Amino acid sequence: MMVTLKTADNAALREAIYAGKVVRIPANALSRRLVLAVWAAIEQEFGGATARRKLQFKLSGDEFYTRIGKVRKRLASEELYRKRLFELLAHLGFAKGEHAVDPVRLRAVPHLGHENPKAAPAYTAHRDTWYANPQAQINWWIPLHAVTEADSFAFFHDFFDKPVPNNSAGFDYDEWMANVGWQSTSGKPAVYPQAQEGSFSAENGDAFCSGAGDIILFSAAHLHQTVKNASGLTRFSIDFRTVHLGDHASGKGAANVDNGSTGSALKDYLMP
């Protein structure tokens, strides 16, 4: 279900992703450079005395998430990480000036994090398009270390082009940003778009293995779900999104089979 990049033709790559292909790009010098920069930010915040993936066991849950939040703000705001991001995009044919991009985001999925009621929305099956993201959006996911089927995430390939019951019609982007926002730990009540059919669980999807710095590209319209991590270690990854502005303007992208959200996240992307 996952293919390795075989073409440098960016238009052909985008079309394949819009059609449902999940693409793996092996780690390269620039993706590793970005990974190292993120690890450095984590170590600057937490110190280097504790093994990176066991940090959650040395701190209270609240302090761990507070510190992760500080690292996330650095990745989103500091020029270094933006520079590393655009270097990687240019290397892979995503020309600056043609693609809107959002900042690098750090994800930390703790051991047994799914048992925390506040984190429940992060473990539901969903399409990113249900959060008012464009149908032409391409998701980029890069693990900071090797991952397996036990601590990655799962795709539901059979439902890429089939509608599933969901609550995305209750999601409005402007309301969300005003009251909740991305990666929020506020606990405020909000609509988190998710599949509403009980048969969706990551154990029934297609999870995958990947090496540190490998790049996974997939359409925002893919139904996917975070695996419940019981590995004994925190899973760290980064992700970001690109939207080819010409494709978006002309209506290209994955078919909208069930997205009822309103508003547009595109206005908050980094524009060329």
C-alpha atoms as a PDB file:
ATOM      1  CA  MET A   1       0.000   0.000   0.000  1.00  0.00           C
ATOM      2  CA  MET A   2       3.053   2.262   0.284  1.00  0.00           C
ATOM      3  CA  VAL A   3       5.279   2.998  -2.704  1.00  0.00           C
ATOM      4  CA  THR A   4       8.809   4.369  -2.842  1.00  0.00           C
ATOM      5  CA  LEU A   5       9.305   7.559  -4.814  1.00  0.00           C
ATOM      6  CA  LYS A   6      10.114   6.696  -8.437  1.00  0.00           C
ATOM      7  CA  THR A   7       9.694  10.027 -10.218  1.00  0.00           C
ATOM      8  CA  ALA A   8      11.142  13.504  -9.892  1.00  0.00           C
ATOM      9  CA  ASP A   9       8.143  14.895 -11.793  1.00  0.00           C
ATOM     10  CA  ASN A  10       6.353  16.907  -9.131  1.00  0.00           C
ATOM     11  CA  ALA A  11       3.071  17.134 -11.045  1.00  0.00           C
ATOM     12  CA  ALA A  12       2.993  13.343 -11.500  1.00  0.00           C
ATOM     13  CA  LEU A  13       3.813  12.842  -7.834  1.00  0.00           C
ATOM     14  CA  ARG A  14       0.988  15.125  -6.756  1.00  0.00           C
ATOM     15  CA  GLU A  15      -1.491  13.373  -9.053  1.00  0.00           C
ATOM     16  CA  ALA A  16      -0.506   9.970  -7.631  1.00  0.00           C
ATOM     17  CA  ILE A  17      -1.033  11.232  -4.080  1.00  0.00           C
ATOM     18  CA  TYR A  18      -4.396  12.781  -4.975  1.00  0.00           C
ATOM     19  CA  ALA A  19      -5.376   9.353  -6.318  1.00  0.00           C
ATOM     20  CA  GLY A  20      -4.595   7.701  -2.980  1.00  0.00           C
ATOM     21  CA  LYS A  21      -0.974   6.585  -3.210  1.00  0.00           C
ATOM     22  CA  VAL A  22       1.056   6.753  -0.013  1.00  0.00           C
ATOM     23  CA  VAL A  23       4.667   7.539  -0.913  1.00  0.00           C
ATOM     24  CA  ARG A  24       7.779   6.752   1.083  1.00  0.00           C
ATOM     25  CA  ILE A  25      10.919   8.784   0.359  1.00  0.00           C
ATOM     26  CA  PRO A  26      14.017   7.274   2.010  1.00  0.00           C
ATOM     27  CA  ALA A  27      15.858   9.529   4.443  1.00  0.00           C
ATOM     28  CA  ASN A  28      18.277  11.921   2.786  1.00  0.00           C
ATOM     29  CA  ALA A  29      20.849  14.429   4.010  1.00  0.00           C
ATOM     30  CA  LEU A  30      18.301  17.243   4.274  1.00  0.00           C
ATOM     31  CA  SER A  31      15.614  15.256   6.096  1.00  0.00           C
ATOM     32  CA  ARG A  32      18.268  14.043   8.543  1.00  0.00           C
ATOM     33  CA  ARG A  33      19.439  17.623   8.994  1.00  0.00           C
ATOM     34  CA  LEU A  34      15.889  18.676   9.891  1.00  0.00           C
ATOM     35  CA  VAL A  35      15.548  15.742  12.293  1.00  0.00           C
ATOM     36  CA  LEU A  36      18.809  16.664  14.034  1.00  0.00           C
ATOM     37  CA  ALA A  37      17.683  20.281  14.382  1.00  0.00           C
ATOM     38  CA  VAL A  38      14.466  19.154  16.076  1.00  0.00           C
ATOM     39  CA  TRP A  39      16.305  16.773  18.415  1.00  0.00           C
ATOM     40  CA  ALA A  40      18.594  19.656  19.358  1.00  0.00           C
ATOM     41  CA  ALA A  41      15.570  21.802  20.258  1.00  0.00           C
ATOM     42  CA  ILE A  42      14.171  18.965  22.396  1.00  0.00           C
ATOM     43  CA  GLU A  43      17.484  18.509  24.223  1.00  0.00           C
ATOM     44  CA  GLN A  44      17.826  22.252  24.795  1.00  0.00           C
ATOM     45  CA  GLU A  45      14.451  22.210  26.533  1.00  0.00           C
ATOM     46  CA  PHE A  46      14.764  18.939  28.466  1.00  0.00           C
ATOM     47  CA  GLY A  47      18.536  18.555  28.882  1.00  0.00           C
ATOM     48  CA  GLY A  48      20.490  15.521  27.736  1.00  0.00           C
ATOM     49  CA  ALA A  49      20.747  13.504  30.952  1.00  0.00           C
ATOM     50  CA  THR A  50      17.738  11.291  30.201  1.00  0.00           C
ATOM     51  CA  ALA A  51      17.305   9.104  27.139  1.00  0.00           C
ATOM     52  CA  ARG A  52      15.190  11.096  24.679  1.00  0.00           C
ATOM     53  CA  ARG A  53      12.364   8.585  24.378  1.00  0.00           C
ATOM     54  CA  LYS A  54      12.077   8.104  28.171  1.00  0.00           C
ATOM     55  CA  LEU A  55      11.642  11.760  29.079  1.00  0.00           C
ATOM     56  CA  GLN A  56       7.962  11.238  29.927  1.00  0.00           C
ATOM     57  CA  PHE A  57       8.934   9.023  32.879  1.00  0.00           C
ATOM     58  CA  LYS A  58      11.078  11.712  34.522  1.00  0.00           C
ATOM     59  CA  LEU A  59       8.415  14.414  34.638  1.00  0.00           C
ATOM     60  CA  SER A  60       4.780  14.809  35.574  1.00  0.00           C
ATOM     61  CA  GLY A  61       2.405  14.596  32.639  1.00  0.00           C
ATOM     62  CA  ASP A  62       1.606  18.307  32.854  1.00  0.00           C
ATOM     63  CA  GLU A  63       5.271  19.349  32.885  1.00  0.00           C
ATOM     64  CA  PHE A  64       6.135  17.023  30.000  1.00  0.00           C
ATOM     65  CA  TYR A  65       3.394  18.498  27.825  1.00  0.00           C
ATOM     66  CA  THR A  66       4.232  22.060  28.875  1.00  0.00           C
ATOM     67  CA  ARG A  67       7.826  21.598  27.782  1.00  0.00           C
ATOM     68  CA  ILE A  68       6.808  19.884  24.550  1.00  0.00           C
ATOM     69  CA  GLY A  69       4.588  22.907  23.935  1.00  0.00           C
ATOM     70  CA  LYS A  70       7.588  25.210  24.266  1.00  0.00           C
ATOM     71  CA  VAL A  71       9.501  23.201  21.668  1.00  0.00           C
ATOM     72  CA  ARG A  72       6.503  23.313  19.332  1.00  0.00           C
ATOM     73  CA  LYS A  73       6.413  27.093  19.549  1.00  0.00           C
ATOM     74  CA  ARG A  74      10.098  27.267  18.622  1.00  0.00           C
ATOM     75  CA  LEU A  75       9.611  25.052  15.579  1.00  0.00           C
ATOM     76  CA  ALA A  76       6.685  27.157  14.413  1.00  0.00           C
ATOM     77  CA  SER A  77       8.299  30.548  14.917  1.00  0.00           C
ATOM     78  CA  GLU A  78      12.074  30.398  14.513  1.00  0.00           C
ATOM     79  CA  GLU A  79      13.700  30.988  11.143  1.00  0.00           C
ATOM     80  CA  LEU A  80      16.120  28.047  11.419  1.00  0.00           C
ATOM     81  CA  TYR A  81      13.364  25.459  11.175  1.00  0.00           C
ATOM     82  CA  ARG A  82      11.653  27.309   8.342  1.00  0.00           C
ATOM     83  CA  LYS A  83      14.960  27.343   6.467  1.00  0.00           C
ATOM     84  CA  ARG A  84      15.485  23.606   6.954  1.00  0.00           C
ATOM     85  CA  LEU A  85      11.921  22.965   5.828  1.00  0.00           C
ATOM     86  CA  PHE A  86      12.235  24.939   2.597  1.00  0.00           C
ATOM     87  CA  GLU A  87      15.616  23.346   1.826  1.00  0.00           C
ATOM     88  CA  LEU A  88      13.985  19.921   1.987  1.00  0.00           C
ATOM     89  CA  LEU A  89      11.002  20.965  -0.113  1.00  0.00           C
ATOM     90  CA  ALA A  90      13.190  22.467  -2.832  1.00  0.00           C
ATOM     91  CA  HIS A  91      15.370  19.337  -2.940  1.00  0.00           C
ATOM     92  CA  LEU A  92      12.288  17.203  -3.596  1.00  0.00           C
ATOM     93  CA  GLY A  93      10.874  19.430  -6.341  1.00  0.00           C
ATOM     94  CA  PHE A  94       8.297  21.382  -4.313  1.00  0.00           C
ATOM     95  CA  ALA A  95       9.261  24.742  -5.759  1.00  0.00           C
ATOM     96  CA  LYS A  96       9.074  27.789  -3.540  1.00  0.00           C
ATOM     97  CA  GLY A  97       6.485  30.171  -4.941  1.00  0.00           C
ATOM     98  CA  GLU A  98       4.123  27.391  -6.022  1.00  0.00           C
ATOM     99  CA  HIS A  99       3.258  25.759  -2.704  1.00  0.00           C
ATOM    100  CA  ALA A 100       1.696  27.062   0.482  1.00  0.00           C
ATOM    101  CA  VAL A 101       3.311  25.383   3.492  1.00  0.00           C
ATOM    102  CA  ASP A 102       2.501  25.260   7.168  1.00  0.00           C
ATOM    103  CA  PRO A 103       5.218  25.249   9.854  1.00  0.00           C
ATOM    104  CA  VAL A 104       6.918  22.142  11.188  1.00  0.00           C
ATOM    105  CA  ARG A 105       4.905  20.556  13.985  1.00  0.00           C
ATOM    106  CA  LEU A 106       6.298  18.262  16.662  1.00  0.00           C
ATOM    107  CA  ARG A 107       4.244  15.250  17.703  1.00  0.00           C
ATOM    108  CA  ALA A 108       4.882  13.330  20.915  1.00  0.00           C
ATOM    109  CA  VAL A 109       2.832  10.162  21.427  1.00  0.00           C
ATOM    110  CA  PRO A 110       3.638   8.909  24.934  1.00  0.00           C
ATOM    111  CA  HIS A 111       3.655   5.349  26.106  1.00  0.00           C
ATOM    112  CA  LEU A 112       0.027   4.615  27.078  1.00  0.00           C
ATOM    113  CA  GLY A 113      -0.941   8.164  26.108  1.00  0.00           C
ATOM    114  CA  HIS A 114      -4.245   6.821  24.809  1.00  0.00           C
ATOM    115  CA  GLU A 115      -5.298   6.165  28.408  1.00  0.00           C
ATOM    116  CA  ASN A 116      -5.396   9.907  29.087  1.00  0.00           C
ATOM    117  CA  PRO A 117      -9.000  11.076  28.481  1.00  0.00           C
ATOM    118  CA  LYS A 118      -7.780  14.532  27.422  1.00  0.00           C
ATOM    119  CA  ALA A 119      -5.813  12.962  24.563  1.00  0.00           C
ATOM    120  CA  ALA A 120      -8.723  10.911  23.207  1.00  0.00           C
ATOM    121  CA  PRO A 121      -9.269  13.089  20.081  1.00  0.00           C
ATOM    122  CA  ALA A 122      -5.698  12.397  18.949  1.00  0.00           C
ATOM    123  CA  TYR A 123      -6.443   8.679  18.649  1.00  0.00           C
ATOM    124  CA  THR A 124      -9.590   8.791  16.519  1.00  0.00           C
ATOM    125  CA  ALA A 125      -9.850   7.798  12.859  1.00  0.00           C
ATOM    126  CA  HIS A 126     -10.117  10.956  10.749  1.00  0.00           C
ATOM    127  CA  ARG A 127      -9.287  12.697   7.500  1.00  0.00           C
ATOM    128  CA  ASP A 128      -7.340  15.940   7.782  1.00  0.00           C
ATOM    129  CA  THR A 129      -9.713  17.469   5.233  1.00  0.00           C
ATOM    130  CA  TRP A 130     -12.444  17.266   7.873  1.00  0.00           C
ATOM    131  CA  TYR A 131     -10.542  20.060   9.677  1.00  0.00           C
ATOM    132  CA  ALA A 132     -11.195  22.487   6.790  1.00  0.00           C
ATOM    133  CA  ASN A 133      -7.942  21.615   5.047  1.00  0.00           C
ATOM    134  CA  PRO A 134      -7.822  21.761   1.217  1.00  0.00           C
ATOM    135  CA  GLN A 135      -8.520  18.694  -0.910  1.00  0.00           C
ATOM    136  CA  ALA A 136      -5.193  19.424  -2.652  1.00  0.00           C
ATOM    137  CA  GLN A 137      -3.287  19.207   0.617  1.00  0.00           C
ATOM    138  CA  ILE A 138      -0.362  16.787   0.889  1.00  0.00           C
ATOM    139  CA  ASN A 139       0.670  15.646   4.365  1.00  0.00           C
ATOM    140  CA  TRP A 140       4.354  15.119   5.181  1.00  0.00           C
ATOM    141  CA  TRP A 141       5.242  12.880   8.143  1.00  0.00           C
ATOM    142  CA  ILE A 142       8.815  12.237   9.336  1.00  0.00           C
ATOM    143  CA  PRO A 143       9.727  10.109  12.385  1.00  0.00           C
ATOM    144  CA  LEU A 144      12.637  11.318  14.510  1.00  0.00           C
ATOM    145  CA  HIS A 145      13.615   7.695  15.156  1.00  0.00           C
ATOM    146  CA  ALA A 146      12.756   4.299  13.716  1.00  0.00           C
ATOM    147  CA  VAL A 147       9.092   3.315  14.171  1.00  0.00           C
ATOM    148  CA  THR A 148       7.221   0.040  13.765  1.00  0.00           C
ATOM    149  CA  GLU A 149       3.598  -0.954  13.310  1.00  0.00           C
ATOM    150  CA  ALA A 150       3.314  -0.749  17.109  1.00  0.00           C
ATOM    151  CA  ASP A 151       4.009   2.988  17.358  1.00  0.00           C
ATOM    152  CA  SER A 152       3.335   4.591  13.959  1.00  0.00           C
ATOM    153  CA  PHE A 153      -0.158   5.172  12.572  1.00  0.00           C
ATOM    154  CA  ALA A 154      -2.545   3.260  10.353  1.00  0.00           C
ATOM    155  CA  PHE A 155      -4.207   3.987   7.032  1.00  0.00           C
ATOM    156  CA  PHE A 156      -7.662   2.723   6.055  1.00  0.00           C
ATOM    157  CA  HIS A 157      -6.923   2.441   2.342  1.00  0.00           C
ATOM    158  CA  ASP A 158     -10.273   0.888   1.437  1.00  0.00           C
ATOM    159  CA  PHE A 159     -12.056   4.073   2.508  1.00  0.00           C
ATOM    160  CA  PHE A 160      -9.943   6.611   0.634  1.00  0.00           C
ATOM    161  CA  ASP A 161     -12.681   7.156  -1.944  1.00  0.00           C
ATOM    162  CA  LYS A 162     -15.657   5.909   0.069  1.00  0.00           C
ATOM    163  CA  PRO A 163     -17.737   8.065   2.433  1.00  0.00           C
ATOM    164  CA  VAL A 164     -17.819   7.176   6.117  1.00  0.00           C
ATOM    165  CA  PRO A 165     -20.138   8.582   8.804  1.00  0.00           C
ATOM    166  CA  ASN A 166     -18.430  11.515  10.530  1.00  0.00           C
ATOM    167  CA  ASN A 167     -19.141  14.752  12.394  1.00  0.00           C
ATOM    168  CA  SER A 168     -17.106  17.147  10.200  1.00  0.00           C
ATOM    169  CA  ALA A 169     -20.211  19.204   9.436  1.00  0.00           C
ATOM    170  CA  GLY A 170     -19.927  20.561  12.988  1.00  0.00           C
ATOM    171  CA  PHE A 171     -16.407  21.904  12.432  1.00  0.00           C
ATOM    172  CA  ASP A 172     -15.818  25.541  11.472  1.00  0.00           C
ATOM    173  CA  TYR A 173     -12.209  26.655  11.069  1.00  0.00           C
ATOM    174  CA  ASP A 174     -12.580  30.221  12.319  1.00  0.00           C
ATOM    175  CA  GLU A 175     -14.493  29.103  15.403  1.00  0.00           C
ATOM    176  CA  TRP A 176     -11.872  26.416  16.082  1.00  0.00           C
ATOM    177  CA  MET A 177      -8.942  28.834  15.883  1.00  0.00           C
ATOM    178  CA  ALA A 178     -10.708  31.376  18.095  1.00  0.00           C
ATOM    179  CA  ASN A 179     -11.577  28.887  20.826  1.00  0.00           C
ATOM    180  CA  VAL A 180      -9.237  25.900  20.624  1.00  0.00           C
ATOM    181  CA  GLY A 181      -6.372  25.934  18.102  1.00  0.00           C
ATOM    182  CA  TRP A 182      -3.964  23.250  16.960  1.00  0.00           C
ATOM    183  CA  GLN A 183      -2.238  20.980  19.480  1.00  0.00           C
ATOM    184  CA  SER A 184      -4.240  22.549  22.276  1.00  0.00           C
ATOM    185  CA  THR A 185      -4.134  21.159  25.815  1.00  0.00           C
ATOM    186  CA  SER A 186      -6.802  23.534  27.097  1.00  0.00           C
ATOM    187  CA  GLY A 187      -9.447  20.856  27.510  1.00  0.00           C
ATOM    188  CA  LYS A 188     -12.085  23.224  26.124  1.00  0.00           C
ATOM    189  CA  PRO A 189     -15.101  21.472  24.593  1.00  0.00           C
ATOM    190  CA  ALA A 190     -14.881  21.438  20.810  1.00  0.00           C
ATOM    191  CA  VAL A 191     -15.826  19.401  17.768  1.00  0.00           C
ATOM    192  CA  TYR A 192     -12.948  17.107  16.835  1.00  0.00           C
ATOM    193  CA  PRO A 193     -13.914  15.616  13.466  1.00  0.00           C
ATOM    194  CA  GLN A 194     -13.768  11.851  13.521  1.00  0.00           C
ATOM    195  CA  ALA A 195     -15.266   8.760  11.994  1.00  0.00           C
ATOM    196  CA  GLN A 196     -18.426   7.743  13.796  1.00  0.00           C
ATOM    197  CA  GLU A 197     -18.519   4.115  12.861  1.00  0.00           C
ATOM    198  CA  GLY A 198     -17.383   1.757  15.588  1.00  0.00           C
ATOM    199  CA  SER A 199     -15.400  -0.598  13.334  1.00  0.00           C
ATOM    200  CA  PHE A 200     -12.557   1.886  12.874  1.00  0.00           C
ATOM    201  CA  SER A 201      -9.581   1.143  15.085  1.00  0.00           C
ATOM    202  CA  ALA A 202      -5.904   1.374  14.220  1.00  0.00           C
ATOM    203  CA  GLU A 203      -5.532  -2.364  14.819  1.00  0.00           C
ATOM    204  CA  ASN A 204      -7.744  -2.957  11.766  1.00  0.00           C
ATOM    205  CA  GLY A 205      -5.858  -0.508   9.554  1.00  0.00           C
ATOM    206  CA  ASP A 206      -2.523  -0.721   7.775  1.00  0.00           C
ATOM    207  CA  ALA A 207       0.278   0.534  10.026  1.00  0.00           C
ATOM    208  CA  PHE A 208       3.866   0.627   8.826  1.00  0.00           C
ATOM    209  CA  CYS A 209       7.561   0.594   9.704  1.00  0.00           C
ATOM    210  CA  SER A 210       9.853   3.495   8.903  1.00  0.00           C
ATOM    211  CA  GLY A 211      13.386   4.654   9.607  1.00  0.00           C
ATOM    212  CA  ALA A 212      14.466   7.929  11.194  1.00  0.00           C
ATOM    213  CA  GLY A 213      14.253  10.721   8.639  1.00  0.00           C
ATOM    214  CA  ASP A 214      12.169   8.744   6.133  1.00  0.00           C
ATOM    215  CA  ILE A 215       9.440  10.889   4.596  1.00  0.00           C
ATOM    216  CA  ILE A 216       5.866   9.659   4.259  1.00  0.00           C
ATOM    217  CA  LEU A 217       3.667  11.639   1.853  1.00  0.00           C
ATOM    218  CA  PHE A 218      -0.092  11.139   1.662  1.00  0.00           C
ATOM    219  CA  SER A 219      -3.266  12.973   0.788  1.00  0.00           C
ATOM    220  CA  ALA A 220      -5.055  14.894   3.529  1.00  0.00           C
ATOM    221  CA  ALA A 221      -8.139  12.955   2.422  1.00  0.00           C
ATOM    222  CA  HIS A 222      -6.736   9.621   3.641  1.00  0.00           C
ATOM    223  CA  LEU A 223      -8.593   8.125   6.589  1.00  0.00           C
ATOM    224  CA  HIS A 224      -5.924   7.374   9.195  1.00  0.00           C
ATOM    225  CA  GLN A 225      -5.491   6.842  12.919  1.00  0.00           C
ATOM    226  CA  THR A 226      -2.670   6.974  15.472  1.00  0.00           C
ATOM    227  CA  VAL A 227      -1.685   3.582  16.873  1.00  0.00           C
ATOM    228  CA  LYS A 228      -2.068   3.200  20.630  1.00  0.00           C
ATOM    229  CA  ASN A 229       1.531   3.274  21.806  1.00  0.00           C
ATOM    230  CA  ALA A 230       2.373   0.636  24.417  1.00  0.00           C
ATOM    231  CA  SER A 231       6.036   0.311  23.433  1.00  0.00           C
ATOM    232  CA  GLY A 232       7.435   1.671  26.696  1.00  0.00           C
ATOM    233  CA  LEU A 233       8.853   4.674  24.816  1.00  0.00           C
ATOM    234  CA  THR A 234       7.525   8.006  23.563  1.00  0.00           C
ATOM    235  CA  ARG A 235       7.100   8.259  19.805  1.00  0.00           C
ATOM    236  CA  PHE A 236       8.454  11.511  18.375  1.00  0.00           C
ATOM    237  CA  SER A 237       7.727  12.702  14.858  1.00  0.00           C
ATOM    238  CA  ILE A 238       7.351  15.905  12.900  1.00  0.00           C
ATOM    239  CA  ASP A 239       4.862  16.784  10.221  1.00  0.00           C
ATOM    240  CA  PHE A 240       3.812  19.627   7.974  1.00  0.00           C
ATOM    241  CA  ARG A 241       1.594  20.159   4.946  1.00  0.00           C
ATOM    242  CA  THR A 242       1.888  21.558   1.450  1.00  0.00           C
ATOM    243  CA  VAL A 243      -0.758  22.799  -0.968  1.00  0.00           C
ATOM    244  CA  HIS A 244       0.039  23.480  -4.633  1.00  0.00           C
ATOM    245  CA  LEU A 245      -1.741  26.773  -5.144  1.00  0.00           C
ATOM    246  CA  GLY A 246      -2.381  26.178  -8.836  1.00  0.00           C
ATOM    247  CA  ASP A 247      -3.972  22.805  -8.129  1.00  0.00           C
ATOM    248  CA  HIS A 248      -6.093  24.297  -5.371  1.00  0.00           C
ATOM    249  CA  ALA A 249      -7.266  27.169  -7.567  1.00  0.00           C
ATOM    250  CA  SER A 250      -8.210  24.833 -10.416  1.00  0.00           C
ATOM    251  CA  GLY A 251     -10.050  22.350  -8.195  1.00  0.00           C
ATOM    252  CA  LYS A 252      -7.477  19.544  -8.412  1.00  0.00           C
ATOM    253  CA  GLY A 253      -6.914  17.280  -5.453  1.00  0.00           C
ATOM    254  CA  ALA A 254      -8.435  14.221  -3.851  1.00  0.00           C
ATOM    255  CA  ALA A 255     -12.163  13.772  -4.323  1.00  0.00           C
ATOM    256  CA  ASN A 256     -14.317  15.109  -1.498  1.00  0.00           C
ATOM    257  CA  VAL A 257     -16.428  12.104  -0.552  1.00  0.00           C
ATOM    258  CA  ASP A 258     -17.669  13.130   2.905  1.00  0.00           C
ATOM    259  CA  ASN A 259     -16.122  16.381   4.162  1.00  0.00           C
ATOM    260  CA  GLY A 260     -18.686  18.785   5.616  1.00  0.00           C
ATOM    261  CA  SER A 261     -16.378  21.216   7.449  1.00  0.00           C
ATOM    262  CA  THR A 262     -16.552  24.950   6.807  1.00  0.00           C
ATOM    263  CA  GLY A 263     -13.915  27.673   6.523  1.00  0.00           C
ATOM    264  CA  SER A 264     -10.355  27.237   5.269  1.00  0.00           C
ATOM    265  CA  ALA A 265      -7.085  26.512   7.053  1.00  0.00           C
ATOM    266  CA  LEU A 266      -5.136  27.660   4.002  1.00  0.00           C
ATOM    267  CA  LYS A 267      -5.158  31.311   5.067  1.00  0.00           C
ATOM    268  CA  ASP A 268      -2.832  30.479   7.966  1.00  0.00           C
ATOM    269  CA  TYR A 269      -0.216  28.683   5.866  1.00  0.00           C
ATOM    270  CA  LEU A 270       3.141  30.197   4.949  1.00  0.00           C
ATOM    271  CA  MET A 271       2.505  31.676   1.536  1.00  0.00           C
ATOM    272  CA  PRO A 272       5.190  31.974  -1.179  1.00  0.00           C
END
